[in-house]
mmCIF file of all heavy atoms, coordinates in Angstrom:
data_MODEL
# 
_entry.id   MODEL 
# 
loop_
_atom_site.group_PDB 
_atom_site.id 
_atom_site.type_symbol 
_atom_site.label_atom_id 
_atom_site.label_alt_id 
_atom_site.label_comp_id 
_atom_site.label_asym_id 
_atom_site.label_entity_id 
_atom_site.label_seq_id 
_atom_site.pdbx_PDB_ins_code 
_atom_site.Cartn_x 
_atom_site.Cartn_y 
_atom_site.Cartn_z 
_atom_site.occupancy 
_atom_site.B_iso_or_equiv 
_atom_site.pdbx_formal_charge 
_atom_site.auth_seq_id 
_atom_site.auth_comp_id 
_atom_site.auth_asym_id 
_atom_site.auth_atom_id 
_atom_site.pdbx_PDB_model_num 
ATOM 1   N N   . GLY A 1 1  ? 0.810  -1.211 -0.014 1.00 0.00 ? 1  GLY A N   1 
ATOM 2   C CA  . GLY A 1 1  ? 0.015  -0.016 -0.009 1.00 0.00 ? 1  GLY A CA  1 
ATOM 3   C C   . GLY A 1 1  ? 0.837  1.295  0.000  1.00 0.00 ? 1  GLY A C   1 
ATOM 4   O O   . GLY A 1 1  ? 0.359  2.352  -0.439 1.00 0.00 ? 1  GLY A O   1 
ATOM 5   N N   . LEU A 1 2  ? 2.056  1.240  0.526  1.00 0.00 ? 2  LEU A N   1 
ATOM 6   C CA  . LEU A 1 2  ? 2.902  2.413  0.570  1.00 0.00 ? 2  LEU A CA  1 
ATOM 7   C C   . LEU A 1 2  ? 3.159  2.988  -0.775 1.00 0.00 ? 2  LEU A C   1 
ATOM 8   O O   . LEU A 1 2  ? 3.225  4.216  -0.983 1.00 0.00 ? 2  LEU A O   1 
ATOM 9   C CB  . LEU A 1 2  ? 4.234  2.059  1.260  1.00 0.00 ? 2  LEU A CB  1 
ATOM 10  C CG  . LEU A 1 2  ? 4.199  2.021  2.799  1.00 0.00 ? 2  LEU A CG  1 
ATOM 11  C CD1 . LEU A 1 2  ? 5.576  1.586  3.324  1.00 0.00 ? 2  LEU A CD1 1 
ATOM 12  C CD2 . LEU A 1 2  ? 3.811  3.319  3.394  1.00 0.00 ? 2  LEU A CD2 1 
ATOM 13  N N   . SER A 1 3  ? 3.339  2.130  -1.833 1.00 0.00 ? 3  SER A N   1 
ATOM 14  C CA  . SER A 1 3  ? 3.563  2.610  -3.189 1.00 0.00 ? 3  SER A CA  1 
ATOM 15  C C   . SER A 1 3  ? 2.398  3.435  -3.678 1.00 0.00 ? 3  SER A C   1 
ATOM 16  O O   . SER A 1 3  ? 2.609  4.516  -4.273 1.00 0.00 ? 3  SER A O   1 
ATOM 17  C CB  . SER A 1 3  ? 3.794  1.425  -4.166 1.00 0.00 ? 3  SER A CB  1 
ATOM 18  O OG  . SER A 1 3  ? 5.039  0.783  -3.839 1.00 0.00 ? 3  SER A OG  1 
ATOM 19  N N   . ASP A 1 4  ? 1.140  2.976  -3.393 1.00 0.00 ? 4  ASP A N   1 
ATOM 20  C CA  . ASP A 1 4  ? 0.008  3.727  -3.831 1.00 0.00 ? 4  ASP A CA  1 
ATOM 21  C C   . ASP A 1 4  ? -0.104 5.071  -3.093 1.00 0.00 ? 4  ASP A C   1 
ATOM 22  O O   . ASP A 1 4  ? -0.399 6.103  -3.712 1.00 0.00 ? 4  ASP A O   1 
ATOM 23  C CB  . ASP A 1 4  ? -1.297 2.921  -3.620 1.00 0.00 ? 4  ASP A CB  1 
ATOM 24  C CG  . ASP A 1 4  ? -1.274 1.643  -4.409 1.00 0.00 ? 4  ASP A CG  1 
ATOM 25  O OD1 . ASP A 1 4  ? -0.671 1.622  -5.471 1.00 0.00 ? 4  ASP A OD1 1 
ATOM 26  O OD2 . ASP A 1 4  ? -1.891 0.615  -3.919 1.00 0.00 ? 4  ASP A OD2 1 
ATOM 27  N N   . ILE A 1 5  ? 0.170  5.040  -1.763 1.00 0.00 ? 5  ILE A N   1 
ATOM 28  C CA  . ILE A 1 5  ? 0.116  6.289  -0.997 1.00 0.00 ? 5  ILE A CA  1 
ATOM 29  C C   . ILE A 1 5  ? 1.152  7.290  -1.480 1.00 0.00 ? 5  ILE A C   1 
ATOM 30  O O   . ILE A 1 5  ? 0.901  8.483  -1.713 1.00 0.00 ? 5  ILE A O   1 
ATOM 31  C CB  . ILE A 1 5  ? 0.323  5.992  0.494  1.00 0.00 ? 5  ILE A CB  1 
ATOM 32  C CG1 . ILE A 1 5  ? -0.857 5.164  1.028  1.00 0.00 ? 5  ILE A CG1 1 
ATOM 33  C CG2 . ILE A 1 5  ? 0.530  7.286  1.285  1.00 0.00 ? 5  ILE A CG2 1 
ATOM 34  C CD1 . ILE A 1 5  ? -0.579 4.592  2.445  1.00 0.00 ? 5  ILE A CD1 1 
ATOM 35  N N   . LEU A 1 6  ? 2.348  6.753  -1.823 1.00 0.00 ? 6  LEU A N   1 
ATOM 36  C CA  . LEU A 1 6  ? 3.423  7.590  -2.267 1.00 0.00 ? 6  LEU A CA  1 
ATOM 37  C C   . LEU A 1 6  ? 3.110  8.222  -3.660 1.00 0.00 ? 6  LEU A C   1 
ATOM 38  O O   . LEU A 1 6  ? 3.378  9.416  -3.847 1.00 0.00 ? 6  LEU A O   1 
ATOM 39  C CB  . LEU A 1 6  ? 4.688  6.734  -2.399 1.00 0.00 ? 6  LEU A CB  1 
ATOM 40  C CG  . LEU A 1 6  ? 6.025  7.441  -2.401 1.00 0.00 ? 6  LEU A CG  1 
ATOM 41  C CD1 . LEU A 1 6  ? 6.183  8.423  -1.241 1.00 0.00 ? 6  LEU A CD1 1 
ATOM 42  C CD2 . LEU A 1 6  ? 7.147  6.411  -2.314 1.00 0.00 ? 6  LEU A CD2 1 
ATOM 43  N N   . ARG A 1 7  ? 2.481  7.462  -4.522 1.00 0.00 ? 7  ARG A N   1 
ATOM 44  C CA  . ARG A 1 7  ? 2.109  8.009  -5.850 1.00 0.00 ? 7  ARG A CA  1 
ATOM 45  C C   . ARG A 1 7  ? 1.142  9.198  -5.653 1.00 0.00 ? 7  ARG A C   1 
ATOM 46  O O   . ARG A 1 7  ? 1.282  10.253 -6.338 1.00 0.00 ? 7  ARG A O   1 
ATOM 47  C CB  . ARG A 1 7  ? 1.483  6.922  -6.715 1.00 0.00 ? 7  ARG A CB  1 
ATOM 48  C CG  . ARG A 1 7  ? 2.481  5.977  -7.349 1.00 0.00 ? 7  ARG A CG  1 
ATOM 49  C CD  . ARG A 1 7  ? 1.866  5.095  -8.386 1.00 0.00 ? 7  ARG A CD  1 
ATOM 50  N NE  . ARG A 1 7  ? 2.877  4.208  -8.884 1.00 0.00 ? 7  ARG A NE  1 
ATOM 51  C CZ  . ARG A 1 7  ? 3.170  2.987  -8.455 1.00 0.00 ? 7  ARG A CZ  1 
ATOM 52  N NH1 . ARG A 1 7  ? 2.438  2.517  -7.436 1.00 0.00 ? 7  ARG A NH1 1 
ATOM 53  N NH2 . ARG A 1 7  ? 4.078  2.250  -8.972 1.00 0.00 ? 7  ARG A NH2 1 
ATOM 54  N N   . GLU A 1 8  ? 0.190  9.044  -4.716 1.00 0.00 ? 8  GLU A N   1 
ATOM 55  C CA  . GLU A 1 8  ? -0.729 10.134 -4.458 1.00 0.00 ? 8  GLU A CA  1 
ATOM 56  C C   . GLU A 1 8  ? -0.028 11.362 -3.883 1.00 0.00 ? 8  GLU A C   1 
ATOM 57  O O   . GLU A 1 8  ? -0.328 12.494 -4.277 1.00 0.00 ? 8  GLU A O   1 
ATOM 58  C CB  . GLU A 1 8  ? -1.844 9.664  -3.531 1.00 0.00 ? 8  GLU A CB  1 
ATOM 59  C CG  . GLU A 1 8  ? -2.760 8.576  -4.153 1.00 0.00 ? 8  GLU A CG  1 
ATOM 60  C CD  . GLU A 1 8  ? -3.621 7.919  -3.159 1.00 0.00 ? 8  GLU A CD  1 
ATOM 61  O OE1 . GLU A 1 8  ? -3.682 8.307  -1.954 1.00 0.00 ? 8  GLU A OE1 1 
ATOM 62  O OE2 . GLU A 1 8  ? -4.285 6.890  -3.501 1.00 0.00 ? 8  GLU A OE2 1 
ATOM 63  N N   . ASP A 1 9  ? 0.887  11.082 -2.940 1.00 0.00 ? 9  ASP A N   1 
ATOM 64  C CA  . ASP A 1 9  ? 1.615  12.201 -2.281 1.00 0.00 ? 9  ASP A CA  1 
ATOM 65  C C   . ASP A 1 9  ? 2.504  12.924 -3.325 1.00 0.00 ? 9  ASP A C   1 
ATOM 66  O O   . ASP A 1 9  ? 2.522  14.162 -3.311 1.00 0.00 ? 9  ASP A O   1 
ATOM 67  C CB  . ASP A 1 9  ? 2.554  11.657 -1.167 1.00 0.00 ? 9  ASP A CB  1 
ATOM 68  C CG  . ASP A 1 9  ? 1.740  11.197 0.037  1.00 0.00 ? 9  ASP A CG  1 
ATOM 69  O OD1 . ASP A 1 9  ? 0.525  11.492 0.049  1.00 0.00 ? 9  ASP A OD1 1 
ATOM 70  O OD2 . ASP A 1 9  ? 2.323  10.648 0.971  1.00 0.00 ? 9  ASP A OD2 1 
ATOM 71  N N   . ILE A 1 10 ? 3.174  12.161 -4.242 1.00 0.00 ? 10 ILE A N   1 
ATOM 72  C CA  . ILE A 1 10 ? 3.990  12.841 -5.230 1.00 0.00 ? 10 ILE A CA  1 
ATOM 73  C C   . ILE A 1 10 ? 3.134  13.696 -6.192 1.00 0.00 ? 10 ILE A C   1 
ATOM 74  O O   . ILE A 1 10 ? 3.509  14.802 -6.535 1.00 0.00 ? 10 ILE A O   1 
ATOM 75  C CB  . ILE A 1 10 ? 4.777  11.766 -5.999 1.00 0.00 ? 10 ILE A CB  1 
ATOM 76  C CG1 . ILE A 1 10 ? 5.818  11.100 -5.109 1.00 0.00 ? 10 ILE A CG1 1 
ATOM 77  C CG2 . ILE A 1 10 ? 5.462  12.331 -7.264 1.00 0.00 ? 10 ILE A CG2 1 
ATOM 78  C CD1 . ILE A 1 10 ? 6.452  9.861  -5.659 1.00 0.00 ? 10 ILE A CD1 1 
ATOM 79  N N   . ALA A 1 11 ? 1.956  13.186 -6.524 1.00 0.00 ? 11 ALA A N   1 
ATOM 80  C CA  . ALA A 1 11 ? 1.058  13.919 -7.425 1.00 0.00 ? 11 ALA A CA  1 
ATOM 81  C C   . ALA A 1 11 ? 0.627  15.215 -6.761 1.00 0.00 ? 11 ALA A C   1 
ATOM 82  O O   . ALA A 1 11 ? 0.380  16.219 -7.427 1.00 0.00 ? 11 ALA A O   1 
ATOM 83  C CB  . ALA A 1 11 ? -0.127 13.045 -7.758 1.00 0.00 ? 11 ALA A CB  1 
ATOM 84  N N   . ALA A 1 12 ? 0.611  15.257 -5.431 1.00 0.00 ? 12 ALA A N   1 
ATOM 85  C CA  . ALA A 1 12 ? 0.208  16.454 -4.681 1.00 0.00 ? 12 ALA A CA  1 
ATOM 86  C C   . ALA A 1 12 ? 1.421  17.303 -4.308 1.00 0.00 ? 12 ALA A C   1 
ATOM 87  O O   . ALA A 1 12 ? 1.297  18.194 -3.540 1.00 0.00 ? 12 ALA A O   1 
ATOM 88  C CB  . ALA A 1 12 ? -0.551 16.040 -3.422 1.00 0.00 ? 12 ALA A CB  1 
ATOM 89  N N   . GLY A 1 13 ? 2.603  16.945 -4.899 1.00 0.00 ? 13 GLY A N   1 
ATOM 90  C CA  . GLY A 1 13 ? 3.792  17.743 -4.652 1.00 0.00 ? 13 GLY A CA  1 
ATOM 91  C C   . GLY A 1 13 ? 4.631  17.277 -3.435 1.00 0.00 ? 13 GLY A C   1 
ATOM 92  O O   . GLY A 1 13 ? 5.548  18.004 -3.016 1.00 0.00 ? 13 GLY A O   1 
ATOM 93  N N   . GLY A 1 14 ? 4.389  15.998 -2.990 1.00 0.00 ? 14 GLY A N   1 
ATOM 94  C CA  . GLY A 1 14 ? 5.090  15.543 -1.838 1.00 0.00 ? 14 GLY A CA  1 
ATOM 95  C C   . GLY A 1 14 ? 6.463  14.954 -2.235 1.00 0.00 ? 14 GLY A C   1 
ATOM 96  O O   . GLY A 1 14 ? 6.806  14.888 -3.407 1.00 0.00 ? 14 GLY A O   1 
ATOM 97  N N   . PRO A 1 15 ? 7.186  14.452 -1.242 1.00 0.00 ? 15 PRO A N   1 
ATOM 98  C CA  . PRO A 1 15 ? 8.543  13.916 -1.465 1.00 0.00 ? 15 PRO A CA  1 
ATOM 99  C C   . PRO A 1 15 ? 8.527  12.561 -2.199 1.00 0.00 ? 15 PRO A C   1 
ATOM 100 O O   . PRO A 1 15 ? 7.486  11.825 -2.086 1.00 0.00 ? 15 PRO A O   1 
ATOM 101 C CB  . PRO A 1 15 ? 9.140  13.813 -0.088 1.00 0.00 ? 15 PRO A CB  1 
ATOM 102 C CG  . PRO A 1 15 ? 8.006  13.627 0.798  1.00 0.00 ? 15 PRO A CG  1 
ATOM 103 C CD  . PRO A 1 15 ? 6.892  14.399 0.191  1.00 0.00 ? 15 PRO A CD  1 
ATOM 104 N N   . PRO A 1 16 ? 9.623  12.138 -2.847 1.00 0.00 ? 16 PRO A N   1 
ATOM 105 C CA  . PRO A 1 16 ? 9.631  10.908 -3.593 1.00 0.00 ? 16 PRO A CA  1 
ATOM 106 C C   . PRO A 1 16 ? 9.869  9.629  -2.766 1.00 0.00 ? 16 PRO A C   1 
ATOM 107 O O   . PRO A 1 16 ? 9.868  8.519  -3.350 1.00 0.00 ? 16 PRO A O   1 
ATOM 108 C CB  . PRO A 1 16 ? 10.726 11.096 -4.619 1.00 0.00 ? 16 PRO A CB  1 
ATOM 109 C CG  . PRO A 1 16 ? 11.682 11.974 -3.929 1.00 0.00 ? 16 PRO A CG  1 
ATOM 110 C CD  . PRO A 1 16 ? 10.816 12.941 -3.072 1.00 0.00 ? 16 PRO A CD  1 
ATOM 111 N N   . HIS A 1 17 ? 10.083 9.803  -1.472 1.00 0.00 ? 17 HIS A N   1 
ATOM 112 C CA  . HIS A 1 17 ? 10.406 8.648  -0.581 1.00 0.00 ? 17 HIS A CA  1 
ATOM 113 C C   . HIS A 1 17 ? 9.542  8.709  0.661  1.00 0.00 ? 17 HIS A C   1 
ATOM 114 O O   . HIS A 1 17 ? 9.165  9.770  1.101  1.00 0.00 ? 17 HIS A O   1 
ATOM 115 C CB  . HIS A 1 17 ? 11.866 8.600  -0.211 1.00 0.00 ? 17 HIS A CB  1 
ATOM 116 C CG  . HIS A 1 17 ? 12.795 8.537  -1.335 1.00 0.00 ? 17 HIS A CG  1 
ATOM 117 N ND1 . HIS A 1 17 ? 13.343 9.645  -1.981 1.00 0.00 ? 17 HIS A ND1 1 
ATOM 118 C CD2 . HIS A 1 17 ? 13.318 7.467  -2.042 1.00 0.00 ? 17 HIS A CD2 1 
ATOM 119 C CE1 . HIS A 1 17 ? 14.079 9.290  -2.995 1.00 0.00 ? 17 HIS A CE1 1 
ATOM 120 N NE2 . HIS A 1 17 ? 14.066 7.972  -3.062 1.00 0.00 ? 17 HIS A NE2 1 
ATOM 121 N N   . PHE A 1 18 ? 9.285  7.481  1.176  1.00 0.00 ? 18 PHE A N   1 
ATOM 122 C CA  . PHE A 1 18 ? 8.526  7.353  2.421  1.00 0.00 ? 18 PHE A CA  1 
ATOM 123 C C   . PHE A 1 18 ? 9.414  6.563  3.432  1.00 0.00 ? 18 PHE A C   1 
ATOM 124 O O   . PHE A 1 18 ? 9.760  5.424  3.142  1.00 0.00 ? 18 PHE A O   1 
ATOM 125 C CB  . PHE A 1 18 ? 7.175  6.628  2.251  1.00 0.00 ? 18 PHE A CB  1 
ATOM 126 C CG  . PHE A 1 18 ? 6.330  6.531  3.427  1.00 0.00 ? 18 PHE A CG  1 
ATOM 127 C CD1 . PHE A 1 18 ? 5.352  7.472  3.720  1.00 0.00 ? 18 PHE A CD1 1 
ATOM 128 C CD2 . PHE A 1 18 ? 6.511  5.467  4.327  1.00 0.00 ? 18 PHE A CD2 1 
ATOM 129 C CE1 . PHE A 1 18 ? 4.535  7.377  4.847  1.00 0.00 ? 18 PHE A CE1 1 
ATOM 130 C CE2 . PHE A 1 18 ? 5.718  5.383  5.492  1.00 0.00 ? 18 PHE A CE2 1 
ATOM 131 C CZ  . PHE A 1 18 ? 4.744  6.293  5.716  1.00 0.00 ? 18 PHE A CZ  1 
ATOM 132 N N   . LEU A 1 19 ? 9.762  7.179  4.554  1.00 0.00 ? 19 LEU A N   1 
ATOM 133 C CA  . LEU A 1 19 ? 10.613 6.527  5.488  1.00 0.00 ? 19 LEU A CA  1 
ATOM 134 C C   . LEU A 1 19 ? 9.859  5.516  6.305  1.00 0.00 ? 19 LEU A C   1 
ATOM 135 O O   . LEU A 1 19 ? 8.765  5.796  6.877  1.00 0.00 ? 19 LEU A O   1 
ATOM 136 C CB  . LEU A 1 19 ? 11.185 7.577  6.497  1.00 0.00 ? 19 LEU A CB  1 
ATOM 137 C CG  . LEU A 1 19 ? 12.417 8.381  6.062  1.00 0.00 ? 19 LEU A CG  1 
ATOM 138 C CD1 . LEU A 1 19 ? 12.720 9.412  7.176  1.00 0.00 ? 19 LEU A CD1 1 
ATOM 139 C CD2 . LEU A 1 19 ? 13.617 7.493  5.882  1.00 0.00 ? 19 LEU A CD2 1 
ATOM 140 N N   . VAL A 1 20 ? 10.419 4.283  6.397  1.00 0.00 ? 20 VAL A N   1 
ATOM 141 C CA  . VAL A 1 20 ? 9.815  3.274  7.269  1.00 0.00 ? 20 VAL A CA  1 
ATOM 142 C C   . VAL A 1 20 ? 10.639 3.080  8.520  1.00 0.00 ? 20 VAL A C   1 
ATOM 143 O O   . VAL A 1 20 ? 10.163 2.557  9.528  1.00 0.00 ? 20 VAL A O   1 
ATOM 144 C CB  . VAL A 1 20 ? 9.599  1.911  6.556  1.00 0.00 ? 20 VAL A CB  1 
ATOM 145 C CG1 . VAL A 1 20 ? 8.648  2.029  5.438  1.00 0.00 ? 20 VAL A CG1 1 
ATOM 146 C CG2 . VAL A 1 20 ? 10.953 1.296  6.068  1.00 0.00 ? 20 VAL A CG2 1 
ATOM 147 N N   . ASP A 1 21 ? 11.896 3.452  8.506  1.00 0.00 ? 21 ASP A N   1 
ATOM 148 C CA  . ASP A 1 21 ? 12.709 3.648  9.729  1.00 0.00 ? 21 ASP A CA  1 
ATOM 149 C C   . ASP A 1 21 ? 13.800 4.656  9.327  1.00 0.00 ? 21 ASP A C   1 
ATOM 150 O O   . ASP A 1 21 ? 13.847 5.118  8.212  1.00 0.00 ? 21 ASP A O   1 
ATOM 151 C CB  . ASP A 1 21 ? 13.195 2.272  10.267 1.00 0.00 ? 21 ASP A CB  1 
ATOM 152 C CG  . ASP A 1 21 ? 14.543 1.790  9.664  1.00 0.00 ? 21 ASP A CG  1 
ATOM 153 O OD1 . ASP A 1 21 ? 15.078 2.397  8.685  1.00 0.00 ? 21 ASP A OD1 1 
ATOM 154 O OD2 . ASP A 1 21 ? 15.026 0.779  10.159 1.00 0.00 ? 21 ASP A OD2 1 
ATOM 155 N N   . PRO A 1 22 ? 14.645 5.113  10.312 1.00 0.00 ? 22 PRO A N   1 
ATOM 156 C CA  . PRO A 1 22 ? 15.518 6.269  9.995  1.00 0.00 ? 22 PRO A CA  1 
ATOM 157 C C   . PRO A 1 22 ? 16.434 6.057  8.802  1.00 0.00 ? 22 PRO A C   1 
ATOM 158 O O   . PRO A 1 22 ? 16.829 7.094  8.167  1.00 0.00 ? 22 PRO A O   1 
ATOM 159 C CB  . PRO A 1 22 ? 16.336 6.377  11.321 1.00 0.00 ? 22 PRO A CB  1 
ATOM 160 C CG  . PRO A 1 22 ? 15.395 5.887  12.389 1.00 0.00 ? 22 PRO A CG  1 
ATOM 161 C CD  . PRO A 1 22 ? 14.643 4.738  11.764 1.00 0.00 ? 22 PRO A CD  1 
ATOM 162 N N   . ASP A 1 23 ? 16.767 4.837  8.460  1.00 0.00 ? 23 ASP A N   1 
ATOM 163 C CA  . ASP A 1 23 ? 17.669 4.646  7.349  1.00 0.00 ? 23 ASP A CA  1 
ATOM 164 C C   . ASP A 1 23 ? 17.095 3.787  6.190  1.00 0.00 ? 23 ASP A C   1 
ATOM 165 O O   . ASP A 1 23 ? 17.801 3.340  5.315  1.00 0.00 ? 23 ASP A O   1 
ATOM 166 C CB  . ASP A 1 23 ? 19.033 4.029  7.788  1.00 0.00 ? 23 ASP A CB  1 
ATOM 167 C CG  . ASP A 1 23 ? 18.871 2.710  8.463  1.00 0.00 ? 23 ASP A CG  1 
ATOM 168 O OD1 . ASP A 1 23 ? 17.825 2.089  8.359  1.00 0.00 ? 23 ASP A OD1 1 
ATOM 169 O OD2 . ASP A 1 23 ? 19.857 2.280  9.151  1.00 0.00 ? 23 ASP A OD2 1 
ATOM 170 N N   . THR A 1 24 ? 15.792 3.583  6.223  1.00 0.00 ? 24 THR A N   1 
ATOM 171 C CA  . THR A 1 24 ? 15.104 2.688  5.267  1.00 0.00 ? 24 THR A CA  1 
ATOM 172 C C   . THR A 1 24 ? 13.873 3.364  4.717  1.00 0.00 ? 24 THR A C   1 
ATOM 173 O O   . THR A 1 24 ? 13.010 3.804  5.515  1.00 0.00 ? 24 THR A O   1 
ATOM 174 C CB  . THR A 1 24 ? 14.719 1.381  5.963  1.00 0.00 ? 24 THR A CB  1 
ATOM 175 O OG1 . THR A 1 24 ? 15.907 0.853  6.641  1.00 0.00 ? 24 THR A OG1 1 
ATOM 176 C CG2 . THR A 1 24 ? 14.225 0.357  4.933  1.00 0.00 ? 24 THR A CG2 1 
# 
């Protein structure tokens, strides 16, 4: 599901990555 959320965020001008822990 994170990929779908990320696509929506990017379309709204958000960042290209979603952190799942501080280095991942």
